[in-house]
């Protein structure tokens, strides 16, 4: 085999290896669209501070809530 023939064979071997590797990597992936879970259940009343906050944390929460 000539030098050019070996070079062509090496290039094609690299292309085939890259194609196989890419095909194997993409095989396990599936495209999934985001799913809307719908309306949240439970009682209304979001927006209150968390129970168990310190006085400083409650003051920070009130100050931040007043700014919005």
PDB file of N, CA and C in Angstrom:
ATOM      1  N   UNK A   1       0.850  -1.175   0.000  1.00  0.00           N
ATOM      2  CA  UNK A   1       0.000   0.000   0.000  1.00  0.00           C
ATOM      3  C   UNK A   1       0.897   1.240   0.000  1.00  0.00           C
ATOM      4  N   UNK A   2       0.474   2.218  -0.733  1.00  0.00           N
ATOM      5  CA  UNK A   2       1.279   3.433  -0.853  1.00  0.00           C
ATOM      6  C   UNK A   2       1.070   4.328   0.358  1.00  0.00           C
ATOM      7  N   UNK A   3       1.903   5.332   0.453  1.00  0.00           N
ATOM      8  CA  UNK A   3       1.816   6.293   1.548  1.00  0.00           C
ATOM      9  C   UNK A   3       0.494   7.051   1.510  1.00  0.00           C
ATOM     10  N   UNK A   4       0.052   7.427   0.326  1.00  0.00           N
ATOM     11  CA  UNK A   4      -1.223   8.136   0.169  1.00  0.00           C
ATOM     12  C   UNK A   4      -2.379   7.218   0.553  1.00  0.00           C
ATOM     13  N   UNK A   5      -2.313   5.974   0.157  1.00  0.00           N
ATOM     14  CA  UNK A   5      -3.367   5.003   0.486  1.00  0.00           C
ATOM     15  C   UNK A   5      -3.493   4.816   1.991  1.00  0.00           C
ATOM     16  N   UNK A   6      -2.362   4.748   2.680  1.00  0.00           N
ATOM     17  CA  UNK A   6      -2.397   4.609   4.137  1.00  0.00           C
ATOM     18  C   UNK A   6      -2.983   5.854   4.802  1.00  0.00           C
ATOM     19  N   UNK A   7      -2.650   7.014   4.269  1.00  0.00           N
ATOM     20  CA  UNK A   7      -3.175   8.261   4.827  1.00  0.00           C
ATOM     21  C   UNK A   7      -4.688   8.333   4.648  1.00  0.00           C
ATOM     22  N   UNK A   8      -5.173   7.945   3.467  1.00  0.00           N
ATOM     23  CA  UNK A   8      -6.616   7.952   3.208  1.00  0.00           C
ATOM     24  C   UNK A   8      -7.304   6.953   4.132  1.00  0.00           C
ATOM     25  N   UNK A   9      -6.728   5.786   4.293  1.00  0.00           N
ATOM     26  CA  UNK A   9      -7.302   4.766   5.166  1.00  0.00           C
ATOM     27  C   UNK A   9      -7.348   5.250   6.613  1.00  0.00           C
ATOM     28  N   UNK A  10      -6.319   5.943   7.048  1.00  0.00           N
ATOM     29  CA  UNK A  10      -6.270   6.465   8.407  1.00  0.00           C
ATOM     30  C   UNK A  10      -7.335   7.540   8.615  1.00  0.00           C
ATOM     31  N   UNK A  11      -7.537   8.410   7.628  1.00  0.00           N
ATOM     32  CA  UNK A  11      -8.546   9.462   7.717  1.00  0.00           C
ATOM     33  C   UNK A  11      -9.938   8.837   7.792  1.00  0.00           C
ATOM     34  N   UNK A  12     -10.220   7.883   6.914  1.00  0.00           N
ATOM     35  CA  UNK A  12     -11.536   7.227   6.929  1.00  0.00           C
ATOM     36  C   UNK A  12     -11.749   6.460   8.233  1.00  0.00           C
ATOM     37  N   UNK A  13     -10.724   5.860   8.749  1.00  0.00           N
ATOM     38  CA  UNK A  13     -10.842   5.162  10.039  1.00  0.00           C
ATOM     39  C   UNK A  13     -11.199   6.127  11.152  1.00  0.00           C
ATOM     40  N   UNK A  14     -10.610   7.309  11.141  1.00  0.00           N
ATOM     41  CA  UNK A  14     -10.938   8.326  12.139  1.00  0.00           C
ATOM     42  C   UNK A  14     -12.363   8.815  12.003  1.00  0.00           C
ATOM     43  N   UNK A  15     -12.815   8.994  10.767  1.00  0.00           N
ATOM     44  CA  UNK A  15     -14.194   9.438  10.548  1.00  0.00           C
ATOM     45  C   UNK A  15     -15.176   8.381  11.032  1.00  0.00           C
ATOM     46  N   UNK A  16     -14.927   7.137  10.727  1.00  0.00           N
ATOM     47  CA  UNK A  16     -15.803   6.046  11.163  1.00  0.00           C
ATOM     48  C   UNK A  16     -15.804   5.952  12.691  1.00  0.00           C
ATOM     49  N   UNK A  17     -14.660   6.066  13.312  1.00  0.00           N
ATOM     50  CA  UNK A  17     -14.588   5.998  14.778  1.00  0.00           C
ATOM     51  C   UNK A  17     -15.353   7.148  15.414  1.00  0.00           C
ATOM     52  N   UNK A  18     -15.220   8.353  14.858  1.00  0.00           N
ATOM     53  CA  UNK A  18     -15.941   9.507  15.395  1.00  0.00           C
ATOM     54  C   UNK A  18     -17.445   9.331  15.227  1.00  0.00           C
ATOM     55  N   UNK A  19     -17.866   8.824  14.086  1.00  0.00           N
ATOM     56  CA  UNK A  19     -19.293   8.615  13.843  1.00  0.00           C
ATOM     57  C   UNK A  19     -19.859   7.577  14.804  1.00  0.00           C
ATOM     58  N   UNK A  20     -19.144   6.503  15.035  1.00  0.00           N
ATOM     59  CA  UNK A  20     -19.621   5.474  15.961  1.00  0.00           C
ATOM     60  C   UNK A  20     -19.677   5.992  17.393  1.00  0.00           C
ATOM     61  N   UNK A  21     -18.668   6.718  17.798  1.00  0.00           N
ATOM     62  CA  UNK A  21     -18.637   7.262  19.148  1.00  0.00           C
ATOM     63  C   UNK A  21     -19.777   8.250  19.362  1.00  0.00           C
ATOM     64  N   UNK A  22     -20.012   9.135  18.400  1.00  0.00           N
ATOM     65  CA  UNK A  22     -21.095  10.105  18.505  1.00  0.00           C
ATOM     66  C   UNK A  22     -22.437   9.395  18.539  1.00  0.00           C
ATOM     67  N   UNK A  23     -22.602   8.394  17.715  1.00  0.00           N
ATOM     68  CA  UNK A  23     -23.855   7.641  17.691  1.00  0.00           C
ATOM     69  C   UNK A  23     -24.126   6.943  19.009  1.00  0.00           C
ATOM     70  N   UNK A  24     -23.098   6.399  19.633  1.00  0.00           N
ATOM     71  CA  UNK A  24     -23.288   5.711  20.907  1.00  0.00           C
ATOM     72  C   UNK A  24     -23.581   6.688  22.033  1.00  0.00           C
ATOM     73  N   UNK A  25     -22.976   7.867  21.990  1.00  0.00           N
ATOM     74  CA  UNK A  25     -23.216   8.860  23.035  1.00  0.00           C
ATOM     75  C   UNK A  25     -24.623   9.425  22.962  1.00  0.00           C
ATOM     76  N   UNK A  26     -25.133   9.622  21.773  1.00  0.00           N
ATOM     77  CA  UNK A  26     -26.458  10.216  21.612  1.00  0.00           C
ATOM     78  C   UNK A  26     -27.578   9.205  21.731  1.00  0.00           C
ATOM     79  N   UNK A  27     -27.266   7.940  21.704  1.00  0.00           N
ATOM     80  CA  UNK A  27     -28.284   6.895  21.708  1.00  0.00           C
ATOM     81  C   UNK A  27     -29.129   6.901  22.975  1.00  0.00           C
ATOM     82  N   UNK A  28     -28.532   7.145  24.141  1.00  0.00           N
ATOM     83  CA  UNK A  28     -29.252   7.088  25.397  1.00  0.00           C
ATOM     84  C   UNK A  28     -29.991   8.367  25.752  1.00  0.00           C
ATOM     85  N   UNK A  29     -29.835   9.414  24.964  1.00  0.00           N
ATOM     86  CA  UNK A  29     -30.467  10.683  25.292  1.00  0.00           C
ATOM     87  C   UNK A  29     -31.824  10.793  24.604  1.00  0.00           C
ATOM     88  N   UNK A  30     -32.807  11.255  25.353  1.00  0.00           N
ATOM     89  CA  UNK A  30     -34.122  11.500  24.774  1.00  0.00           C
ATOM     90  C   UNK A  30     -34.498  12.937  25.049  1.00  0.00           C
ATOM     91  N   UNK A  31     -35.165  13.536  24.114  1.00  0.00           N
ATOM     92  CA  UNK A  31     -35.589  14.923  24.271  1.00  0.00           C
ATOM     93  C   UNK A  31     -36.877  14.949  25.082  1.00  0.00           C
ATOM     94  N   UNK A  32     -36.880  15.702  26.157  1.00  0.00           N
ATOM     95  CA  UNK A  32     -38.073  15.826  26.992  1.00  0.00           C
ATOM     96  C   UNK A  32     -38.437  17.291  27.109  1.00  0.00           C
ATOM     97  N   UNK A  33     -39.688  17.566  26.881  1.00  0.00           N
ATOM     98  CA  UNK A  33     -40.174  18.929  26.999  1.00  0.00           C
ATOM     99  C   UNK A  33     -40.533  19.207  28.456  1.00  0.00           C
ATOM    100  N   UNK A  34     -40.478  20.448  28.882  1.00  0.00           N
ATOM    101  CA  UNK A  34     -40.896  20.784  30.237  1.00  0.00           C
ATOM    102  C   UNK A  34     -42.366  20.442  30.452  1.00  0.00           C
ATOM    103  N   UNK A  35     -42.693  20.067  31.667  1.00  0.00           N
ATOM    104  CA  UNK A  35     -44.062  19.687  31.994  1.00  0.00           C
ATOM    105  C   UNK A  35     -44.618  20.672  33.011  1.00  0.00           C
ATOM    106  N   UNK A  36     -45.790  21.215  32.726  1.00  0.00           N
ATOM    107  CA  UNK A  36     -46.462  22.136  33.638  1.00  0.00           C
ATOM    108  C   UNK A  36     -47.213  21.310  34.677  1.00  0.00           C
ATOM    109  N   UNK A  37     -46.880  21.431  35.963  1.00  0.00           N
ATOM    110  CA  UNK A  37     -47.557  20.620  36.979  1.00  0.00           C
ATOM    111  C   UNK A  37     -48.973  21.101  37.275  1.00  0.00           C
ATOM    112  N   UNK A  38     -49.368  22.247  36.762  1.00  0.00           N
ATOM    113  CA  UNK A  38     -50.715  22.751  37.012  1.00  0.00           C
ATOM    114  C   UNK A  38     -50.762  23.597  38.265  1.00  0.00           C
ATOM    115  N   UNK A  39     -51.978  23.885  38.681  1.00  0.00           N
ATOM    116  CA  UNK A  39     -52.179  24.733  39.856  1.00  0.00           C
ATOM    117  C   UNK A  39     -51.694  24.030  41.120  1.00  0.00           C
ATOM    118  N   UNK A  40     -51.126  24.808  42.030  1.00  0.00           N
ATOM    119  CA  UNK A  40     -50.631  24.265  43.288  1.00  0.00           C
ATOM    120  C   UNK A  40     -51.805  24.042  44.228  1.00  0.00           C
ATOM    121  N   UNK A  41     -51.839  22.913  44.868  1.00  0.00           N
ATOM    122  CA  UNK A  41     -52.897  22.614  45.824  1.00  0.00           C
ATOM    123  C   UNK A  41     -52.583  23.179  47.190  1.00  0.00           C
ATOM    124  N   UNK A  42     -53.515  23.071  48.082  1.00  0.00           N
ATOM    125  CA  UNK A  42     -53.298  23.539  49.440  1.00  0.00           C
ATOM    126  C   UNK A  42     -53.937  24.887  49.681  1.00  0.00           C
ATOM    127  N   UNK A  43     -53.836  25.320  50.907  1.00  0.00           N
ATOM    128  CA  UNK A  43     -54.466  26.580  51.300  1.00  0.00           C
ATOM    129  C   UNK A  43     -53.714  27.776  50.729  1.00  0.00           C
ATOM    130  N   UNK A  44     -54.477  28.839  50.454  1.00  0.00           N
ATOM    131  CA  UNK A  44     -53.859  30.080  49.997  1.00  0.00           C
ATOM    132  C   UNK A  44     -53.194  30.761  51.186  1.00  0.00           C
ATOM    133  N   UNK A  45     -52.338  31.710  50.918  1.00  0.00           N
ATOM    134  CA  UNK A  45     -51.711  32.433  52.016  1.00  0.00           C
ATOM    135  C   UNK A  45     -50.206  32.473  51.902  1.00  0.00           C
ATOM    136  N   UNK A  46     -49.710  32.274  50.728  1.00  0.00           N
ATOM    137  CA  UNK A  46     -48.261  32.352  50.544  1.00  0.00           C
ATOM    138  C   UNK A  46     -47.808  33.785  50.782  1.00  0.00           C
ATOM    139  N   UNK A  47     -46.592  33.944  51.212  1.00  0.00           N
ATOM    140  CA  UNK A  47     -46.042  35.272  51.396  1.00  0.00           C
ATOM    141  C   UNK A  47     -45.752  35.619  52.840  1.00  0.00           C
ATOM    142  N   UNK A  48     -46.117  34.742  53.744  1.00  0.00           N
ATOM    143  CA  UNK A  48     -45.828  34.994  55.154  1.00  0.00           C
ATOM    144  C   UNK A  48     -44.392  34.557  55.461  1.00  0.00           C
ATOM    145  N   UNK A  49     -43.857  35.051  56.555  1.00  0.00           N
ATOM    146  CA  UNK A  49     -42.505  34.643  56.941  1.00  0.00           C
ATOM    147  C   UNK A  49     -42.531  33.214  57.468  1.00  0.00           C
ATOM    148  N   UNK A  50     -41.388  32.603  57.464  1.00  0.00           N
ATOM    149  CA  UNK A  50     -41.271  31.239  57.952  1.00  0.00           C
ATOM    150  C   UNK A  50     -41.352  31.207  59.470  1.00  0.00           C
ATOM    151  N   UNK A  51     -41.942  30.166  60.022  1.00  0.00           N
ATOM    152  CA  UNK A  51     -41.954  30.064  61.485  1.00  0.00           C
ATOM    153  C   UNK A  51     -40.545  29.797  62.019  1.00  0.00           C
ATOM    154  N   UNK A  52     -40.263  30.316  63.195  1.00  0.00           N
ATOM    155  CA  UNK A  52     -38.977  30.055  63.839  1.00  0.00           C
ATOM    156  C   UNK A  52     -37.888  31.053  63.507  1.00  0.00           C
ATOM    157  N   UNK A  53     -38.223  32.154  62.834  1.00  0.00           N
ATOM    158  CA  UNK A  53     -37.204  33.153  62.535  1.00  0.00           C
ATOM    159  C   UNK A  53     -36.903  33.976  63.783  1.00  0.00           C
ATOM    160  N   UNK A  54     -35.693  34.488  63.851  1.00  0.00           N
ATOM    161  CA  UNK A  54     -35.320  35.369  64.955  1.00  0.00           C
ATOM    162  C   UNK A  54     -35.957  36.737  64.743  1.00  0.00           C
ATOM    163  N   UNK A  55     -35.877  37.586  65.741  1.00  0.00           N
ATOM    164  CA  UNK A  55     -36.439  38.935  65.633  1.00  0.00           C
ATOM    165  C   UNK A  55     -35.761  39.711  64.511  1.00  0.00           C
ATOM    166  N   UNK A  56     -34.452  39.580  64.379  1.00  0.00           N
ATOM    167  CA  UNK A  56     -33.724  40.259  63.306  1.00  0.00           C
ATOM    168  C   UNK A  56     -34.152  39.744  61.934  1.00  0.00           C
ATOM    169  N   UNK A  57     -34.330  38.442  61.823  1.00  0.00           N
ATOM    170  CA  UNK A  57     -34.745  37.865  60.550  1.00  0.00           C
ATOM    171  C   UNK A  57     -36.158  38.308  60.181  1.00  0.00           C
ATOM    172  N   UNK A  58     -37.065  38.367  61.174  1.00  0.00           N
ATOM    173  CA  UNK A  58     -38.422  38.852  60.917  1.00  0.00           C
ATOM    174  C   UNK A  58     -38.415  40.319  60.495  1.00  0.00           C
ATOM    175  N   UNK A  59     -37.578  41.142  61.129  1.00  0.00           N
ATOM    176  CA  UNK A  59     -37.469  42.545  60.754  1.00  0.00           C
ATOM    177  C   UNK A  59     -36.949  42.668  59.323  1.00  0.00           C
ATOM    178  N   UNK A  60     -35.963  41.864  58.976  1.00  0.00           N
ATOM    179  CA  UNK A  60     -35.430  41.876  57.602  1.00  0.00           C
ATOM    180  C   UNK A  60     -36.510  41.473  56.615  1.00  0.00           C
ATOM    181  N   UNK A  61     -37.309  40.465  56.965  1.00  0.00           N
ATOM    182  CA  UNK A  61     -38.392  40.024  56.091  1.00  0.00           C
ATOM    183  C   UNK A  61     -39.432  41.127  55.894  1.00  0.00           C
ATOM    184  N   UNK A  62     -39.824  41.770  56.984  1.00  0.00           N
ATOM    185  CA  UNK A  62     -40.817  42.843  56.885  1.00  0.00           C
ATOM    186  C   UNK A  62     -40.296  44.004  56.035  1.00  0.00           C
ATOM    187  N   UNK A  63     -39.032  44.364  56.229  1.00  0.00           N
ATOM    188  CA  UNK A  63     -38.446  45.454  55.449  1.00  0.00           C
ATOM    189  C   UNK A  63     -38.406  45.096  53.954  1.00  0.00           C
ATOM    190  N   UNK A  64     -38.040  43.869  53.672  1.00  0.00           N
ATOM    191  CA  UNK A  64     -37.958  43.431  52.277  1.00  0.00           C
ATOM    192  C   UNK A  64     -39.350  43.354  51.666  1.00  0.00           C
ATOM    193  N   UNK A  65     -40.344  42.910  52.425  1.00  0.00           N
ATOM    194  CA  UNK A  65     -41.713  42.808  51.917  1.00  0.00           C
ATOM    195  C   UNK A  65     -42.311  44.184  51.662  1.00  0.00           C
ATOM    196  N   UNK A  66     -41.977  45.150  52.469  1.00  0.00           N
ATOM    197  CA  UNK A  66     -42.516  46.497  52.323  1.00  0.00           C
ATOM    198  C   UNK A  66     -41.975  47.161  51.052  1.00  0.00           C
ATOM    199  N   UNK A  67     -40.807  46.758  50.600  1.00  0.00           N
ATOM    200  CA  UNK A  67     -40.188  47.360  49.434  1.00  0.00           C
ATOM    201  C   UNK A  67     -40.765  46.855  48.131  1.00  0.00           C
ATOM    202  N   UNK A  68     -41.546  45.792  48.161  1.00  0.00           N
ATOM    203  CA  UNK A  68     -42.063  45.261  46.888  1.00  0.00           C
ATOM    204  C   UNK A  68     -43.452  45.692  46.593  1.00  0.00           C
TER     205      UNK A  68
END
